Protein backbone atom coordinates (compact mmCIF):
# COMPACT_ATOMS: atom_id res chain seq x y z
CA MET A 1 16.28 15.37 -9.76
CA HIS A 2 15.01 18.40 -7.81
CA LEU A 3 12.84 17.63 -4.81
CA GLU A 4 9.79 19.45 -6.19
CA LYS A 5 9.89 17.31 -9.35
CA GLN A 6 10.07 14.08 -7.33
CA LEU A 7 6.90 14.74 -5.36
CA ASN A 8 3.30 15.18 -6.40
CA LEU A 9 1.39 17.25 -3.85
CA ASN A 10 -2.39 17.02 -4.06
CA GLU A 11 -3.77 19.59 -1.66
CA LYS A 12 -7.38 18.66 -2.41
CA GLU A 13 -6.80 15.05 -1.35
CA CYS A 14 -4.25 16.02 1.32
CA SER A 15 -1.72 13.62 -0.16
CA ILE A 16 1.90 13.46 -1.26
CA THR A 17 3.13 10.87 -3.77
CA TYR A 18 6.72 10.17 -4.73
CA VAL A 19 6.95 9.98 -8.52
CA GLY A 20 10.65 9.24 -8.92
CA ASP A 21 12.35 5.87 -9.12
CA GLY A 22 15.38 5.80 -6.89
CA LYS A 23 16.74 7.23 -3.66
CA LEU A 24 14.96 10.28 -2.30
CA ASP A 25 17.51 12.49 -0.51
CA ASN A 26 17.09 15.52 1.72
CA PHE A 27 13.40 15.02 2.27
CA ASN A 28 13.74 17.34 5.27
CA LEU A 29 13.76 20.21 2.75
CA LEU A 30 10.02 19.69 2.46
CA SER A 31 9.52 20.64 6.10
CA GLU A 32 11.63 23.77 5.62
CA THR A 33 9.88 25.00 2.48
CA SER A 34 6.30 23.80 3.00
CA ALA A 35 5.87 23.49 6.76
CA TRP A 36 2.39 24.98 6.61
CA ARG A 37 1.17 22.00 4.58
CA LEU A 38 2.50 19.12 6.64
CA GLU A 39 -0.21 18.95 9.29
CA THR A 40 -2.87 18.70 6.58
CA ILE A 41 -1.29 15.70 4.85
CA THR A 42 -3.16 12.45 5.59
CA THR A 43 -1.75 10.22 2.82
CA LEU A 44 1.93 9.70 2.01
CA ASP A 45 2.98 7.34 -0.79
CA LEU A 46 6.75 6.84 -1.12
CA SER A 47 6.63 3.66 -3.20
CA ASN A 48 9.84 2.94 -5.16
CA CYS A 49 11.77 5.35 -2.96
CA HIS A 50 14.91 3.46 -1.96
CA SER A 51 15.69 5.36 1.21
CA LYS A 52 16.61 3.41 4.35
CA ASP A 53 16.29 6.42 6.67
CA LEU A 54 12.62 7.32 7.01
CA PHE A 55 12.96 9.38 10.18
CA TYR A 56 11.54 12.44 8.41
CA ILE A 57 8.08 10.83 8.25
CA ARG A 58 7.57 11.98 11.83
CA VAL A 59 6.74 15.51 10.59
CA PHE A 60 3.43 14.24 9.15
CA SER A 61 1.71 14.15 12.52
CA ASN A 62 -1.82 13.54 11.17
CA LEU A 63 -0.92 10.86 8.64
CA GLN A 64 -3.64 8.23 8.17
CA THR A 65 -2.21 6.27 5.23
CA LEU A 66 1.46 5.41 4.68
CA ILE A 67 2.53 3.47 1.57
CA LEU A 68 6.11 2.20 1.35
CA ASN A 69 5.89 -0.44 -1.39
CA ASN A 70 9.06 -1.59 -3.14
CA CYS A 71 11.34 0.66 -1.09
CA ASN A 72 14.08 -1.91 -0.49
CA ILE A 73 13.65 -1.55 3.26
CA ASP A 74 14.39 -4.20 5.89
CA ASN A 75 13.77 -4.65 9.62
CA LYS A 76 16.18 -1.83 10.50
CA VAL A 77 13.78 0.76 9.16
CA PHE A 78 11.63 0.41 12.27
CA SER A 79 14.43 1.88 14.38
CA THR A 80 14.07 5.13 12.40
CA LEU A 81 10.28 5.41 12.53
CA SER A 82 8.37 7.48 15.07
CA PRO A 83 4.84 6.86 16.37
CA LEU A 84 1.97 8.10 14.21
CA PRO A 85 -1.13 8.11 16.43
CA CYS A 86 -3.60 8.65 13.55
CA LEU A 87 -2.24 6.06 11.11
CA GLU A 88 -4.81 3.47 10.01
CA THR A 89 -3.34 2.04 6.79
CA LEU A 90 0.22 0.78 6.30
CA CYS A 91 1.45 -0.88 3.09
CA LEU A 92 4.92 -2.43 3.11
CA ASN A 93 4.66 -4.69 0.06
CA LYS A 94 7.70 -5.96 -1.88
CA ASN A 95 10.38 -5.16 0.67
CA LYS A 96 12.93 -7.21 2.64
CA LEU A 97 11.16 -7.69 5.97
CA PHE A 98 12.02 -11.06 7.51
CA ASP A 99 11.31 -10.95 11.27
CA LEU A 100 7.55 -11.29 11.61
CA ASN A 101 7.41 -10.88 15.38
CA LEU A 102 9.51 -7.70 15.29
CA ILE A 103 7.42 -6.20 12.51
CA VAL A 104 4.08 -6.98 14.15
CA ASP A 105 5.16 -5.71 17.57
CA SER A 106 6.60 -2.53 16.04
CA VAL A 107 3.47 -1.84 14.01
CA LYS A 108 1.26 -2.38 17.04
CA PHE A 109 3.37 -0.02 19.18
CA LEU A 110 3.96 2.73 16.61
CA TYR A 111 0.47 2.77 15.09
CA PRO A 112 -2.16 1.96 17.74
CA LYS A 113 -5.05 2.76 15.36
CA ILE A 114 -3.81 0.50 12.54
CA ARG A 115 -6.67 -1.25 10.74
CA HIS A 116 -5.23 -2.11 7.32
CA LEU A 117 -1.83 -3.80 7.01
CA SER A 118 -0.27 -5.25 3.85
CA LEU A 119 2.99 -7.22 3.76
CA HIS A 120 2.82 -8.99 0.38
CA GLY A 121 6.10 -9.77 -1.30
CA ASN A 122 8.22 -9.93 1.87
CA PRO A 123 10.07 -13.00 3.21
CA ILE A 124 7.70 -12.96 6.21
CA CYS A 125 4.63 -13.43 4.00
CA PRO A 126 3.96 -16.95 2.63
CA ASP A 127 2.44 -17.21 -0.83
CA GLU A 128 -1.29 -17.53 -0.22
CA LEU A 129 -1.89 -17.86 -3.98
CA SER A 130 0.02 -21.12 -4.25
CA ASP A 131 -1.89 -24.32 -5.03
CA ASN A 132 0.43 -26.23 -2.74
CA PHE A 133 -1.37 -27.14 0.49
CA SER A 134 1.70 -26.52 2.65
CA PHE A 135 2.07 -22.93 1.54
CA SER A 136 -1.64 -22.26 1.80
CA TYR A 137 -1.51 -23.63 5.34
CA GLY A 138 1.49 -21.41 6.10
CA TYR A 139 -0.35 -18.29 4.94
CA GLU A 140 -3.34 -19.17 7.10
CA ARG A 141 -1.11 -19.52 10.16
CA TYR A 142 0.64 -16.25 9.28
CA ARG A 143 -2.72 -14.44 9.13
CA LEU A 144 -3.96 -15.84 12.42
CA PHE A 145 -0.70 -14.92 14.16
CA ILE A 146 -0.94 -11.28 13.03
CA ILE A 147 -4.66 -11.07 13.81
CA LYS A 148 -3.99 -12.41 17.30
CA LYS A 149 -1.25 -9.81 17.87
CA ILE A 150 -3.08 -6.81 16.36
CA GLY A 151 -6.66 -7.25 17.46
CA ASN A 152 -8.13 -4.18 15.75
CA LEU A 153 -7.07 -5.13 12.20
CA SER A 154 -9.96 -5.14 9.73
CA PHE A 155 -7.93 -5.84 6.56
CA LEU A 156 -4.75 -7.88 6.12
CA ASP A 157 -2.92 -8.03 2.79
CA SER A 158 -5.53 -8.46 0.05
CA SER A 159 -8.53 -9.61 2.09
CA PRO A 160 -10.64 -8.46 5.04
CA VAL A 161 -10.22 -9.98 8.48
CA THR A 162 -13.27 -12.13 9.20
CA VAL A 163 -15.07 -12.71 12.47
CA GLU A 164 -14.20 -16.40 12.17
CA GLU A 165 -10.49 -15.57 11.90
CA LYS A 166 -10.65 -13.36 14.98
CA ILE A 167 -12.31 -16.15 16.96
CA ARG A 168 -9.79 -18.76 15.81
CA ALA A 169 -6.87 -16.46 16.53
CA SER A 170 -8.10 -15.83 20.07
CA ILE A 171 -8.77 -19.45 21.08
CA GLN A 172 -6.12 -21.47 19.24
CA GLU A 173 -3.05 -20.60 21.30
CA SER A 174 -2.06 -24.28 21.51
CA TYR A 175 -2.31 -24.44 17.71
CA PHE A 176 0.31 -21.70 17.40
CA LYS A 177 2.63 -23.28 19.96
CA ARG A 178 2.52 -26.67 18.30
CA TYR A 179 3.54 -25.38 14.87
CA SER A 180 5.35 -22.18 15.81
CA ARG A 181 8.80 -23.31 14.63
CA MET A 182 7.77 -24.60 11.22
CA TYR A 183 8.72 -22.63 8.14
CA PHE A 184 9.01 -23.30 4.45
CA SER A 185 12.57 -22.75 3.28
CA GLY A 186 13.09 -21.43 -0.20
CA TYR A 187 9.91 -19.39 -0.12
CA SER A 188 9.42 -17.85 3.28
CA GLN A 189 11.35 -17.92 6.52
CA GLY A 190 8.98 -15.59 8.30
CA ASN A 191 7.32 -18.32 10.35
CA ARG A 192 10.60 -19.44 11.89
CA TYR A 193 10.55 -16.22 13.91
CA ILE A 194 7.24 -17.05 15.59
CA LEU A 195 8.50 -18.59 18.81
CA ASP A 196 6.56 -19.91 21.78
CA SER A 197 7.78 -16.96 23.85
CA HIS A 198 6.11 -14.58 21.41
CA LEU A 199 2.63 -15.98 22.03
């Protein structure tokens, strides 16, 4: 499929949305043919784009929202990403991210203004919708860990970050250390990567 047919450019909303369903190749062609538009783009949605090399995203220097849902990406993608100083919203739902500490540290470093982060559907994200107490407890610990690491978050996954959560995350360091090596096999192994040395 030709590049122009795979992308929906909305100049009024300053956004680009991928409308294909597969691997998006040669995205650098966009910078060659439409360079005058790139600095105006604030929203980029590449959901369902199965491309492991996302280095080209660097050309969107004023990006505020980046959506990479269901892109089949794993931890290695963060080695191809460049800092985006204006980015406030990052959605990485339904991917293959499994090292929570690496992801959180990378997000904090690459996107210092991040306020909204969503990681649903990844191995690092426990199922907060489960009725099982253990999994509910795991999701709570997962949230507090991320909130502690990224202090300016206002929204995590599907719910806002509360003042109570920020207080608990800041004062319960011993709580994290006591349970830092617990994880729930078969559903999520994300918590096994929260080590004492990471806190």
